[in-house]
Amino acid sequence: MGIARYFPSYTVPISAALGIFFGGFWVFLTPVYIFLLLPLTEFLIGQNKENPDPETEERLKASKSYSFLLWSYVPVQYALTIYLIWSFYTGTLTGWVLAGAIVSVGISNGGIGITVAHELIHRSSMFEQLLGRLLLLTTLYMHFAIEHVYGHHKHVATPGDPATAKKGESFYLFWIRTVPEQFISAWHIEKKRLSKRKLSVLSLQNEMIWFMVIQLLLLVSLGLFLSFSALLVFVSSSVLAFSLLEAVNYLEHYGLERRMESKRYEKVDHHHSWNSDFVISRMFLFELSRHSDHHATASRKYQVLRTFDDSPQLPTGYPGMILLALFPPLWFKIMDPLVEQASK
């Protein structure tokens, strides 16, 4: 199918926009679509474990269209976010209809938007890194660009990684721990980087300071030019968006650990991340579910990520696993035996 296999990801912001446009119970179109229809479809379609052959891989890597698809998502996300805020400000959205719209936009911005941002912040191009940061601005999670690339990928599957969930840790406890710890970790990373250049942490070259200023200016502008309530609508959608990201972080490394070898942790490999080859997750999330290969070789672009036999496998795709994570007893019952098996 080529690049067309990833087009369905755009149906998520479209579903959220349609929900706002039609109002009423239509505002719940996106959560029903993502957490009911997609898991059922994923169960029926199943997995695809094929890897591209060397010739196909070179062709895929050389194609610019896969990057253009990511770039084009930036205006889509901004348009959707503005549409939500403006619809509230003009009185179109109120009460439970507003709540449904916030949930829908949060799912779209967090599920697809942050996934695209994640791919872009790993690129070497400054332009693409900027696009990734612009997407993260719409979810008030710009520090993810620092912590994820320079912290999470270095410390994944060790106690030093705030984004790795421990075995027996519920998603709710993980969320409470990881959100502030990742923010603090990003500050430490910037402090260390600036220290090597003999610059103060209060330097204007501290990217974390710029992130905080930009996000604060956005919030102040919303409050002053629209209303405090409009600001709260945006903040609510942002919290839901980055909470969805953290649900994904939770399932991607739950319970997996790197062994200590000669006072250092072993090198990150395919067995340190949970993998999922379910077709729907791969299509909608730009191959994010082939997470094992992403961590083993972070520079690989999404269209050429591979699956490996030594990667521990999730029992279903990402939408189903996120739902499972919301019910800790059921999660532990299913996942803990898999963790023990993967650790042998």
C-alpha atoms as a PDB file:
ATOM      1  CA  MET A   1       0.000   0.000   0.000  1.00  0.00           C
ATOM      2  CA  GLY A   2       2.963   2.352   0.397  1.00  0.00           C
ATOM      3  CA  ILE A   3       2.374   5.674   2.099  1.00  0.00           C
ATOM      4  CA  ALA A   4      -1.423   5.275   1.798  1.00  0.00           C
ATOM      5  CA  ARG A   5      -1.342   2.769   4.659  1.00  0.00           C
ATOM      6  CA  TYR A   6      -0.796   5.705   7.058  1.00  0.00           C
ATOM      7  CA  PHE A   7      -3.599   7.906   5.733  1.00  0.00           C
ATOM      8  CA  PRO A   8      -6.156   6.468   8.221  1.00  0.00           C
ATOM      9  CA  SER A   9      -4.376   8.341  11.030  1.00  0.00           C
ATOM     10  CA  TYR A  10      -5.963  11.521   9.637  1.00  0.00           C
ATOM     11  CA  THR A  11      -9.432  10.118  10.290  1.00  0.00           C
ATOM     12  CA  VAL A  12      -8.854  10.713  14.013  1.00  0.00           C
ATOM     13  CA  PRO A  13      -8.702  14.555  13.896  1.00  0.00           C
ATOM     14  CA  ILE A  14     -11.438  14.448  11.256  1.00  0.00           C
ATOM     15  CA  SER A  15     -13.674  12.464  13.625  1.00  0.00           C
ATOM     16  CA  ALA A  16     -13.012  14.980  16.420  1.00  0.00           C
ATOM     17  CA  ALA A  17     -13.810  17.921  14.128  1.00  0.00           C
ATOM     18  CA  LEU A  18     -17.014  16.234  12.914  1.00  0.00           C
ATOM     19  CA  GLY A  19     -18.059  15.656  16.504  1.00  0.00           C
ATOM     20  CA  ILE A  20     -17.681  19.356  17.293  1.00  0.00           C
ATOM     21  CA  PHE A  21     -19.457  20.359  14.079  1.00  0.00           C
ATOM     22  CA  PHE A  22     -22.534  18.137  14.567  1.00  0.00           C
ATOM     23  CA  GLY A  23     -22.619  18.459  18.363  1.00  0.00           C
ATOM     24  CA  GLY A  24     -24.778  16.350  20.641  1.00  0.00           C
ATOM     25  CA  PHE A  25     -23.710  12.743  21.063  1.00  0.00           C
ATOM     26  CA  TRP A  26     -21.539  13.098  17.968  1.00  0.00           C
ATOM     27  CA  VAL A  27     -18.835  14.597  20.207  1.00  0.00           C
ATOM     28  CA  PHE A  28     -18.188  11.057  21.462  1.00  0.00           C
ATOM     29  CA  LEU A  29     -17.474   9.781  17.960  1.00  0.00           C
ATOM     30  CA  THR A  30     -13.705   9.836  18.515  1.00  0.00           C
ATOM     31  CA  PRO A  31     -13.539   7.844  21.788  1.00  0.00           C
ATOM     32  CA  VAL A  32     -15.996   5.287  20.385  1.00  0.00           C
ATOM     33  CA  TYR A  33     -13.976   5.101  17.180  1.00  0.00           C
ATOM     34  CA  ILE A  34     -10.600   4.716  18.902  1.00  0.00           C
ATOM     35  CA  PHE A  35     -11.473   2.567  21.905  1.00  0.00           C
ATOM     36  CA  LEU A  36     -14.309   0.426  20.571  1.00  0.00           C
ATOM     37  CA  LEU A  37     -14.289   0.161  16.781  1.00  0.00           C
ATOM     38  CA  LEU A  38     -10.511   0.063  16.322  1.00  0.00           C
ATOM     39  CA  PRO A  39      -9.804  -2.648  18.946  1.00  0.00           C
ATOM     40  CA  LEU A  40     -12.554  -4.819  17.434  1.00  0.00           C
ATOM     41  CA  THR A  41     -11.207  -4.260  13.928  1.00  0.00           C
ATOM     42  CA  GLU A  42      -7.679  -4.931  15.129  1.00  0.00           C
ATOM     43  CA  PHE A  43      -8.768  -8.237  16.637  1.00  0.00           C
ATOM     44  CA  LEU A  44     -10.331  -9.280  13.329  1.00  0.00           C
ATOM     45  CA  ILE A  45      -7.463  -8.166  11.068  1.00  0.00           C
ATOM     46  CA  GLY A  46      -4.671  -9.384  13.315  1.00  0.00           C
ATOM     47  CA  GLN A  47      -0.937  -8.954  12.842  1.00  0.00           C
ATOM     48  CA  ASN A  48       1.540  -8.556  10.024  1.00  0.00           C
ATOM     49  CA  LYS A  49       5.107  -9.557  10.910  1.00  0.00           C
ATOM     50  CA  GLU A  50       6.669  -8.969   7.507  1.00  0.00           C
ATOM     51  CA  ASN A  51       9.789  -6.805   7.278  1.00  0.00           C
ATOM     52  CA  PRO A  52      10.796  -4.874   4.156  1.00  0.00           C
ATOM     53  CA  ASP A  53      13.537  -6.507   2.117  1.00  0.00           C
ATOM     54  CA  PRO A  54      16.813  -4.522   1.707  1.00  0.00           C
ATOM     55  CA  GLU A  55      15.854  -3.120  -1.699  1.00  0.00           C
ATOM     56  CA  THR A  56      12.418  -1.992  -0.494  1.00  0.00           C
ATOM     57  CA  GLU A  57      13.921  -0.513   2.657  1.00  0.00           C
ATOM     58  CA  GLU A  58      16.308   1.673   0.656  1.00  0.00           C
ATOM     59  CA  ARG A  59      13.437   2.870  -1.517  1.00  0.00           C
ATOM     60  CA  LEU A  60      11.305   3.692   1.526  1.00  0.00           C
ATOM     61  CA  LYS A  61      14.109   5.590   3.238  1.00  0.00           C
ATOM     62  CA  ALA A  62      14.765   7.639   0.095  1.00  0.00           C
ATOM     63  CA  SER A  63      11.119   8.676  -0.330  1.00  0.00           C
ATOM     64  CA  LYS A  64      10.355  12.206   0.933  1.00  0.00           C
ATOM     65  CA  SER A  65       6.602  11.596   0.899  1.00  0.00           C
ATOM     66  CA  TYR A  66       6.766   9.863   4.283  1.00  0.00           C
ATOM     67  CA  SER A  67       8.236  13.014   5.805  1.00  0.00           C
ATOM     68  CA  PHE A  68       5.758  15.289   4.010  1.00  0.00           C
ATOM     69  CA  LEU A  69       2.933  13.286   5.576  1.00  0.00           C
ATOM     70  CA  LEU A  70       4.291  14.082   9.028  1.00  0.00           C
ATOM     71  CA  TRP A  71       4.836  17.755   8.256  1.00  0.00           C
ATOM     72  CA  SER A  72       1.290  18.150   6.992  1.00  0.00           C
ATOM     73  CA  TYR A  73      -0.082  17.064  10.342  1.00  0.00           C
ATOM     74  CA  VAL A  74       1.080  20.254  12.084  1.00  0.00           C
ATOM     75  CA  PRO A  75      -1.550  22.596  10.531  1.00  0.00           C
ATOM     76  CA  VAL A  76      -4.205  19.894  11.003  1.00  0.00           C
ATOM     77  CA  GLN A  77      -3.563  19.734  14.743  1.00  0.00           C
ATOM     78  CA  TYR A  78      -3.469  23.498  15.124  1.00  0.00           C
ATOM     79  CA  ALA A  79      -6.712  23.852  13.179  1.00  0.00           C
ATOM     80  CA  LEU A  80      -8.436  21.253  15.364  1.00  0.00           C
ATOM     81  CA  THR A  81      -7.223  22.835  18.600  1.00  0.00           C
ATOM     82  CA  ILE A  82      -8.309  26.313  17.490  1.00  0.00           C
ATOM     83  CA  TYR A  83     -11.663  24.906  16.365  1.00  0.00           C
ATOM     84  CA  LEU A  84     -12.259  23.464  19.848  1.00  0.00           C
ATOM     85  CA  ILE A  85     -11.383  26.683  21.662  1.00  0.00           C
ATOM     86  CA  TRP A  86     -13.311  28.920  19.252  1.00  0.00           C
ATOM     87  CA  SER A  87     -16.399  26.697  19.362  1.00  0.00           C
ATOM     88  CA  PHE A  88     -16.408  26.978  23.141  1.00  0.00           C
ATOM     89  CA  TYR A  89     -15.765  30.729  23.092  1.00  0.00           C
ATOM     90  CA  THR A  90     -18.661  31.361  20.701  1.00  0.00           C
ATOM     91  CA  GLY A  91     -21.042  29.289  22.843  1.00  0.00           C
ATOM     92  CA  THR A  92     -21.378  26.294  20.522  1.00  0.00           C
ATOM     93  CA  LEU A  93     -20.039  23.876  23.145  1.00  0.00           C
ATOM     94  CA  THR A  94     -21.429  23.707  26.668  1.00  0.00           C
ATOM     95  CA  GLY A  95     -21.927  21.148  29.432  1.00  0.00           C
ATOM     96  CA  TRP A  96     -21.454  17.470  28.601  1.00  0.00           C
ATOM     97  CA  VAL A  97     -21.082  18.292  24.894  1.00  0.00           C
ATOM     98  CA  LEU A  98     -18.059  20.431  25.761  1.00  0.00           C
ATOM     99  CA  ALA A  99     -16.646  17.594  27.889  1.00  0.00           C
ATOM    100  CA  GLY A 100     -16.995  15.170  24.982  1.00  0.00           C
ATOM    101  CA  ALA A 101     -15.301  17.611  22.606  1.00  0.00           C
ATOM    102  CA  ILE A 102     -12.386  18.097  25.012  1.00  0.00           C
ATOM    103  CA  VAL A 103     -11.947  14.321  25.324  1.00  0.00           C
ATOM    104  CA  SER A 104     -12.052  13.893  21.543  1.00  0.00           C
ATOM    105  CA  VAL A 105      -9.478  16.602  20.837  1.00  0.00           C
ATOM    106  CA  GLY A 106      -7.300  15.290  23.666  1.00  0.00           C
ATOM    107  CA  ILE A 107      -7.361  11.810  22.121  1.00  0.00           C
ATOM    108  CA  SER A 108      -6.490  13.178  18.679  1.00  0.00           C
ATOM    109  CA  ASN A 109      -3.732  15.525  19.853  1.00  0.00           C
ATOM    110  CA  GLY A 110      -2.252  12.965  22.229  1.00  0.00           C
ATOM    111  CA  GLY A 111      -2.730   9.833  20.182  1.00  0.00           C
ATOM    112  CA  ILE A 112      -1.801  11.038  16.701  1.00  0.00           C
ATOM    113  CA  GLY A 113      -0.265  14.473  17.313  1.00  0.00           C
ATOM    114  CA  ILE A 114       2.287  13.440  19.928  1.00  0.00           C
ATOM    115  CA  THR A 115       3.087  10.307  17.910  1.00  0.00           C
ATOM    116  CA  VAL A 116       3.971  12.518  14.942  1.00  0.00           C
ATOM    117  CA  ALA A 117       5.898  14.871  17.239  1.00  0.00           C
ATOM    118  CA  HIS A 118       7.783  11.880  18.628  1.00  0.00           C
ATOM    119  CA  GLU A 119       8.931  10.905  15.151  1.00  0.00           C
ATOM    120  CA  LEU A 120       9.951  14.481  14.292  1.00  0.00           C
ATOM    121  CA  ILE A 121      11.990  15.209  17.442  1.00  0.00           C
ATOM    122  CA  HIS A 122      14.166  12.216  16.600  1.00  0.00           C
ATOM    123  CA  ARG A 123      15.085  13.665  13.200  1.00  0.00           C
ATOM    124  CA  SER A 124      18.448  15.360  12.630  1.00  0.00           C
ATOM    125  CA  SER A 125      16.859  18.238  10.675  1.00  0.00           C
ATOM    126  CA  MET A 126      16.340  21.422  12.731  1.00  0.00           C
ATOM    127  CA  PHE A 127      13.224  22.129  10.671  1.00  0.00           C
ATOM    128  CA  GLU A 128      11.651  18.800  11.598  1.00  0.00           C
ATOM    129  CA  GLN A 129      12.660  19.174  15.244  1.00  0.00           C
ATOM    130  CA  LEU A 130      10.945  22.575  15.252  1.00  0.00           C
ATOM    131  CA  LEU A 131       7.773  21.032  13.814  1.00  0.00           C
ATOM    132  CA  GLY A 132       7.857  18.417  16.544  1.00  0.00           C
ATOM    133  CA  ARG A 133       8.138  21.092  19.213  1.00  0.00           C
ATOM    134  CA  LEU A 134       5.266  23.053  17.662  1.00  0.00           C
ATOM    135  CA  LEU A 135       3.054  19.981  17.955  1.00  0.00           C
ATOM    136  CA  LEU A 136       4.104  19.480  21.579  1.00  0.00           C
ATOM    137  CA  LEU A 137       3.158  23.116  22.276  1.00  0.00           C
ATOM    138  CA  THR A 138      -0.497  22.239  21.589  1.00  0.00           C
ATOM    139  CA  THR A 139      -0.312  19.716  24.455  1.00  0.00           C
ATOM    140  CA  LEU A 140       1.832  21.783  26.866  1.00  0.00           C
ATOM    141  CA  TYR A 141       4.463  19.031  26.857  1.00  0.00           C
ATOM    142  CA  MET A 142       7.422  20.614  25.094  1.00  0.00           C
ATOM    143  CA  HIS A 143       9.944  19.222  27.594  1.00  0.00           C
ATOM    144  CA  PHE A 144       9.222  15.791  26.097  1.00  0.00           C
ATOM    145  CA  ALA A 145      11.507  16.795  23.202  1.00  0.00           C
ATOM    146  CA  ILE A 146      14.451  16.871  25.617  1.00  0.00           C
ATOM    147  CA  GLU A 147      13.644  14.172  28.132  1.00  0.00           C
ATOM    148  CA  HIS A 148      12.539  11.559  25.631  1.00  0.00           C
ATOM    149  CA  VAL A 149      15.475  11.871  23.231  1.00  0.00           C
ATOM    150  CA  TYR A 150      18.296  12.449  25.733  1.00  0.00           C
ATOM    151  CA  GLY A 151      16.875  10.847  28.875  1.00  0.00           C
ATOM    152  CA  HIS A 152      14.420   8.068  28.103  1.00  0.00           C
ATOM    153  CA  HIS A 153      16.440   6.543  25.256  1.00  0.00           C
ATOM    154  CA  LYS A 154      19.567   6.507  27.410  1.00  0.00           C
ATOM    155  CA  HIS A 155      18.036   5.146  30.620  1.00  0.00           C
ATOM    156  CA  VAL A 156      15.111   3.065  29.312  1.00  0.00           C
ATOM    157  CA  ALA A 157      14.383  -0.129  31.263  1.00  0.00           C
ATOM    158  CA  THR A 158      16.469   1.029  34.237  1.00  0.00           C
ATOM    159  CA  PRO A 159      15.504   2.632  37.583  1.00  0.00           C
ATOM    160  CA  GLY A 160      16.943   5.893  36.243  1.00  0.00           C
ATOM    161  CA  ASP A 161      14.194   6.240  33.631  1.00  0.00           C
ATOM    162  CA  PRO A 162      11.016   7.953  34.882  1.00  0.00           C
ATOM    163  CA  ALA A 163       9.168   6.797  31.737  1.00  0.00           C
ATOM    164  CA  THR A 164       9.677   3.073  32.403  1.00  0.00           C
ATOM    165  CA  ALA A 165       6.860   1.525  34.436  1.00  0.00           C
ATOM    166  CA  LYS A 166       7.857  -0.928  37.153  1.00  0.00           C
ATOM    167  CA  LYS A 167       6.282  -4.357  37.427  1.00  0.00           C
ATOM    168  CA  GLY A 168       3.320  -4.125  39.803  1.00  0.00           C
ATOM    169  CA  GLU A 169       2.950  -0.363  39.296  1.00  0.00           C
ATOM    170  CA  SER A 170      -0.515   0.687  38.161  1.00  0.00           C
ATOM    171  CA  PHE A 171      -0.956   3.208  35.383  1.00  0.00           C
ATOM    172  CA  TYR A 172      -2.408   5.716  37.858  1.00  0.00           C
ATOM    173  CA  LEU A 173       0.594   5.539  40.192  1.00  0.00           C
ATOM    174  CA  PHE A 174       2.886   5.614  37.158  1.00  0.00           C
ATOM    175  CA  TRP A 175       1.187   8.804  35.910  1.00  0.00           C
ATOM    176  CA  ILE A 176       1.588  10.546  39.267  1.00  0.00           C
ATOM    177  CA  ARG A 177       5.277   9.627  39.324  1.00  0.00           C
ATOM    178  CA  THR A 178       6.314  10.042  35.715  1.00  0.00           C
ATOM    179  CA  VAL A 179       4.776  13.425  34.831  1.00  0.00           C
ATOM    180  CA  PRO A 180       6.764  15.515  37.357  1.00  0.00           C
ATOM    181  CA  GLU A 181       9.850  13.281  37.160  1.00  0.00           C
ATOM    182  CA  GLN A 182      10.126  13.682  33.391  1.00  0.00           C
ATOM    183  CA  PHE A 183       9.867  17.462  33.723  1.00  0.00           C
ATOM    184  CA  ILE A 184      12.608  17.485  36.384  1.00  0.00           C
ATOM    185  CA  SER A 185      14.715  15.117  34.289  1.00  0.00           C
ATOM    186  CA  ALA A 186      14.517  17.488  31.314  1.00  0.00           C
ATOM    187  CA  TRP A 187      15.839  20.314  33.530  1.00  0.00           C
ATOM    188  CA  HIS A 188      18.754  18.150  34.704  1.00  0.00           C
ATOM    189  CA  ILE A 189      19.593  17.206  31.115  1.00  0.00           C
ATOM    190  CA  GLU A 190      19.662  20.858  30.059  1.00  0.00           C
ATOM    191  CA  LYS A 191      21.690  21.821  33.130  1.00  0.00           C
ATOM    192  CA  LYS A 192      24.274  19.155  32.310  1.00  0.00           C
ATOM    193  CA  ARG A 193      24.417  20.191  28.649  1.00  0.00           C
ATOM    194  CA  LEU A 194      24.924  23.856  29.536  1.00  0.00           C
ATOM    195  CA  SER A 195      27.481  23.009  32.216  1.00  0.00           C
ATOM    196  CA  LYS A 196      29.646  21.282  29.617  1.00  0.00           C
ATOM    197  CA  ARG A 197      29.590  24.548  27.652  1.00  0.00           C
ATOM    198  CA  LYS A 198      30.355  26.493  30.851  1.00  0.00           C
ATOM    199  CA  LEU A 199      26.993  28.229  30.751  1.00  0.00           C
ATOM    200  CA  SER A 200      24.583  28.898  33.604  1.00  0.00           C
ATOM    201  CA  VAL A 201      21.329  27.000  33.831  1.00  0.00           C
ATOM    202  CA  LEU A 202      19.671  30.427  33.657  1.00  0.00           C
ATOM    203  CA  SER A 203      21.255  31.052  30.267  1.00  0.00           C
ATOM    204  CA  LEU A 204      19.022  32.046  27.364  1.00  0.00           C
ATOM    205  CA  GLN A 205      20.394  28.951  25.644  1.00  0.00           C
ATOM    206  CA  ASN A 206      18.471  26.804  28.131  1.00  0.00           C
ATOM    207  CA  GLU A 207      15.739  25.288  25.954  1.00  0.00           C
ATOM    208  CA  MET A 208      13.614  24.508  29.000  1.00  0.00           C
ATOM    209  CA  ILE A 209      13.354  28.212  29.816  1.00  0.00           C
ATOM    210  CA  TRP A 210      12.167  28.926  26.282  1.00  0.00           C
ATOM    211  CA  PHE A 211       9.631  26.093  26.494  1.00  0.00           C
ATOM    212  CA  MET A 212       8.198  27.472  29.733  1.00  0.00           C
ATOM    213  CA  VAL A 213       8.073  31.046  28.430  1.00  0.00           C
ATOM    214  CA  ILE A 214       6.400  30.058  25.145  1.00  0.00           C
ATOM    215  CA  GLN A 215       3.809  27.879  26.864  1.00  0.00           C
ATOM    216  CA  LEU A 216       3.118  30.548  29.485  1.00  0.00           C
ATOM    217  CA  LEU A 217       2.704  33.209  26.791  1.00  0.00           C
ATOM    218  CA  LEU A 218       0.223  30.971  24.999  1.00  0.00           C
ATOM    219  CA  LEU A 219      -1.812  30.476  28.169  1.00  0.00           C
ATOM    220  CA  VAL A 220      -1.733  34.169  29.076  1.00  0.00           C
ATOM    221  CA  SER A 221      -2.804  35.104  25.544  1.00  0.00           C
ATOM    222  CA  LEU A 222      -5.759  32.733  25.696  1.00  0.00           C
ATOM    223  CA  GLY A 223      -6.796  34.164  29.055  1.00  0.00           C
ATOM    224  CA  LEU A 224      -6.440  37.810  28.032  1.00  0.00           C
ATOM    225  CA  PHE A 225      -7.791  37.741  24.488  1.00  0.00           C
ATOM    226  CA  LEU A 226     -10.507  35.117  24.976  1.00  0.00           C
ATOM    227  CA  SER A 227     -11.329  34.121  28.540  1.00  0.00           C
ATOM    228  CA  PHE A 228     -10.061  32.195  31.521  1.00  0.00           C
ATOM    229  CA  SER A 229     -12.609  29.502  30.708  1.00  0.00           C
ATOM    230  CA  ALA A 230     -11.167  29.149  27.190  1.00  0.00           C
ATOM    231  CA  LEU A 231      -7.759  28.746  28.775  1.00  0.00           C
ATOM    232  CA  LEU A 232      -9.130  25.934  30.964  1.00  0.00           C
ATOM    233  CA  VAL A 233     -10.614  24.180  27.927  1.00  0.00           C
ATOM    234  CA  PHE A 234      -7.190  24.186  26.251  1.00  0.00           C
ATOM    235  CA  VAL A 235      -5.425  23.023  29.415  1.00  0.00           C
ATOM    236  CA  SER A 236      -7.955  20.211  29.878  1.00  0.00           C
ATOM    237  CA  SER A 237      -7.438  18.913  26.337  1.00  0.00           C
ATOM    238  CA  SER A 238      -3.657  19.149  26.850  1.00  0.00           C
ATOM    239  CA  VAL A 239      -3.745  17.133  30.084  1.00  0.00           C
ATOM    240  CA  LEU A 240      -5.794  14.432  28.381  1.00  0.00           C
ATOM    241  CA  ALA A 241      -3.381  14.454  25.438  1.00  0.00           C
ATOM    242  CA  PHE A 242      -0.198  13.990  27.450  1.00  0.00           C
ATOM    243  CA  SER A 243      -1.972  11.489  29.717  1.00  0.00           C
ATOM    244  CA  LEU A 244      -2.601   9.386  26.615  1.00  0.00           C
ATOM    245  CA  LEU A 245       1.101   9.679  25.824  1.00  0.00           C
ATOM    246  CA  GLU A 246       1.932   8.438  29.309  1.00  0.00           C
ATOM    247  CA  ALA A 247      -0.462   5.514  28.878  1.00  0.00           C
ATOM    248  CA  VAL A 248       1.562   4.588  25.803  1.00  0.00           C
ATOM    249  CA  ASN A 249       4.827   4.993  27.727  1.00  0.00           C
ATOM    250  CA  TYR A 250       3.364   2.755  30.419  1.00  0.00           C
ATOM    251  CA  LEU A 251       2.602  -0.137  28.091  1.00  0.00           C
ATOM    252  CA  GLU A 252       5.750   0.166  25.982  1.00  0.00           C
ATOM    253  CA  HIS A 253       8.220  -0.792  28.716  1.00  0.00           C
ATOM    254  CA  TYR A 254       6.145  -2.134  31.599  1.00  0.00           C
ATOM    255  CA  GLY A 255       8.213  -4.389  33.870  1.00  0.00           C
ATOM    256  CA  LEU A 256      11.171  -4.782  31.476  1.00  0.00           C
ATOM    257  CA  GLU A 257      14.678  -4.328  32.872  1.00  0.00           C
ATOM    258  CA  ARG A 258      18.199  -4.106  31.496  1.00  0.00           C
ATOM    259  CA  ARG A 259      20.740  -6.236  33.345  1.00  0.00           C
ATOM    260  CA  MET A 260      23.746  -4.760  35.104  1.00  0.00           C
ATOM    261  CA  GLU A 261      27.009  -5.840  33.456  1.00  0.00           C
ATOM    262  CA  SER A 262      30.385  -4.740  34.874  1.00  0.00           C
ATOM    263  CA  LYS A 263      28.836  -1.832  36.764  1.00  0.00           C
ATOM    264  CA  ARG A 264      27.017  -0.657  33.638  1.00  0.00           C
ATOM    265  CA  TYR A 265      23.639  -1.542  32.219  1.00  0.00           C
ATOM    266  CA  GLU A 266      23.627  -3.736  29.142  1.00  0.00           C
ATOM    267  CA  LYS A 267      23.110  -2.078  25.790  1.00  0.00           C
ATOM    268  CA  VAL A 268      19.512  -1.339  24.782  1.00  0.00           C
ATOM    269  CA  ASP A 269      18.257  -4.103  22.523  1.00  0.00           C
ATOM    270  CA  HIS A 270      15.044  -5.433  20.989  1.00  0.00           C
ATOM    271  CA  HIS A 271      14.007  -7.271  24.152  1.00  0.00           C
ATOM    272  CA  HIS A 272      13.843  -4.101  26.271  1.00  0.00           C
ATOM    273  CA  SER A 273      10.591  -2.789  24.744  1.00  0.00           C
ATOM    274  CA  TRP A 274       7.198  -4.349  24.167  1.00  0.00           C
ATOM    275  CA  ASN A 275       6.412  -4.869  20.508  1.00  0.00           C
ATOM    276  CA  SER A 276       3.082  -5.088  18.695  1.00  0.00           C
ATOM    277  CA  ASP A 277       2.664  -6.047  15.046  1.00  0.00           C
ATOM    278  CA  PHE A 278      -1.104  -5.559  14.970  1.00  0.00           C
ATOM    279  CA  VAL A 279      -1.887  -3.893  11.662  1.00  0.00           C
ATOM    280  CA  ILE A 280      -4.278  -1.179  12.889  1.00  0.00           C
ATOM    281  CA  SER A 281      -1.881   0.161  15.519  1.00  0.00           C
ATOM    282  CA  ARG A 282       0.919   0.209  12.984  1.00  0.00           C
ATOM    283  CA  MET A 283      -1.187   2.148  10.469  1.00  0.00           C
ATOM    284  CA  PHE A 284      -2.666   4.712  12.832  1.00  0.00           C
ATOM    285  CA  LEU A 285       0.484   5.320  14.895  1.00  0.00           C
ATOM    286  CA  PHE A 286       3.127   5.467  12.175  1.00  0.00           C
ATOM    287  CA  GLU A 287       4.706   2.157  13.237  1.00  0.00           C
ATOM    288  CA  LEU A 288       5.154   3.303  16.849  1.00  0.00           C
ATOM    289  CA  SER A 289       4.027  -0.134  17.987  1.00  0.00           C
ATOM    290  CA  ARG A 290       7.194  -1.593  16.454  1.00  0.00           C
ATOM    291  CA  HIS A 291       8.793   0.009  19.460  1.00  0.00           C
ATOM    292  CA  SER A 292      11.540  -2.531  20.026  1.00  0.00           C
ATOM    293  CA  ASP A 293      13.324  -1.602  16.818  1.00  0.00           C
ATOM    294  CA  HIS A 294      12.822   2.104  17.513  1.00  0.00           C
ATOM    295  CA  HIS A 295      14.726   1.818  20.794  1.00  0.00           C
ATOM    296  CA  ALA A 296      17.400  -0.470  19.418  1.00  0.00           C
ATOM    297  CA  THR A 297      18.031   1.978  16.548  1.00  0.00           C
ATOM    298  CA  ALA A 298      16.409   5.323  17.342  1.00  0.00           C
ATOM    299  CA  SER A 299      17.547   6.905  14.075  1.00  0.00           C
ATOM    300  CA  ARG A 300      15.460   4.524  11.923  1.00  0.00           C
ATOM    301  CA  LYS A 301      12.522   6.291  10.293  1.00  0.00           C
ATOM    302  CA  TYR A 302       9.056   4.970  10.984  1.00  0.00           C
ATOM    303  CA  GLN A 303       8.455   3.521   7.507  1.00  0.00           C
ATOM    304  CA  VAL A 304      11.396   1.088   7.847  1.00  0.00           C
ATOM    305  CA  LEU A 305      10.981  -0.137  11.430  1.00  0.00           C
ATOM    306  CA  ARG A 306      11.253  -3.914  11.736  1.00  0.00           C
ATOM    307  CA  THR A 307       9.989  -6.687  13.980  1.00  0.00           C
ATOM    308  CA  PHE A 308      12.249  -9.264  15.637  1.00  0.00           C
ATOM    309  CA  ASP A 309      11.596 -12.662  17.169  1.00  0.00           C
ATOM    310  CA  ASP A 310      13.380 -11.758  20.423  1.00  0.00           C
ATOM    311  CA  SER A 311      11.063  -8.777  21.072  1.00  0.00           C
ATOM    312  CA  PRO A 312       8.451  -9.403  23.791  1.00  0.00           C
ATOM    313  CA  GLN A 313       4.990  -9.200  22.253  1.00  0.00           C
ATOM    314  CA  LEU A 314       1.912  -7.384  23.559  1.00  0.00           C
ATOM    315  CA  PRO A 315      -1.289  -9.451  23.477  1.00  0.00           C
ATOM    316  CA  THR A 316      -3.104  -6.827  21.407  1.00  0.00           C
ATOM    317  CA  GLY A 317      -2.634  -3.450  19.724  1.00  0.00           C
ATOM    318  CA  TYR A 318      -2.230  -0.102  21.459  1.00  0.00           C
ATOM    319  CA  PRO A 319      -5.919   0.924  21.755  1.00  0.00           C
ATOM    320  CA  GLY A 320      -6.760  -2.369  23.488  1.00  0.00           C
ATOM    321  CA  MET A 321      -3.690  -2.167  25.736  1.00  0.00           C
ATOM    322  CA  ILE A 322      -4.534   1.390  26.813  1.00  0.00           C
ATOM    323  CA  LEU A 323      -8.015   0.245  27.819  1.00  0.00           C
ATOM    324  CA  LEU A 324      -6.486  -2.665  29.717  1.00  0.00           C
ATOM    325  CA  ALA A 325      -4.132  -0.314  31.583  1.00  0.00           C
ATOM    326  CA  LEU A 326      -7.135   1.546  33.008  1.00  0.00           C
ATOM    327  CA  PHE A 327      -8.074  -1.587  34.979  1.00  0.00           C
ATOM    328  CA  PRO A 328      -4.991  -2.471  37.061  1.00  0.00           C
ATOM    329  CA  PRO A 329      -6.134  -5.884  38.421  1.00  0.00           C
ATOM    330  CA  LEU A 330      -6.845  -7.123  34.903  1.00  0.00           C
ATOM    331  CA  TRP A 331      -3.632  -5.554  33.600  1.00  0.00           C
ATOM    332  CA  PHE A 332      -1.517  -7.297  36.257  1.00  0.00           C
ATOM    333  CA  LYS A 333      -3.240 -10.619  35.655  1.00  0.00           C
ATOM    334  CA  ILE A 334      -2.460 -10.535  31.932  1.00  0.00           C
ATOM    335  CA  MET A 335       0.854  -8.669  31.787  1.00  0.00           C
ATOM    336  CA  ASP A 336       2.801  -9.858  34.852  1.00  0.00           C
ATOM    337  CA  PRO A 337       3.129 -13.465  33.584  1.00  0.00           C
ATOM    338  CA  LEU A 338       4.306 -12.060  30.245  1.00  0.00           C
ATOM    339  CA  VAL A 339       6.896  -9.928  32.059  1.00  0.00           C
ATOM    340  CA  GLU A 340       8.186 -12.987  33.903  1.00  0.00           C
ATOM    341  CA  GLN A 341       8.397 -14.911  30.651  1.00  0.00           C
ATOM    342  CA  ALA A 342      10.211 -12.035  28.902  1.00  0.00           C
ATOM    343  CA  SER A 343      12.707 -11.758  31.785  1.00  0.00           C
ATOM    344  CA  LYS A 344      13.912 -15.375  31.549  1.00  0.00           C
END
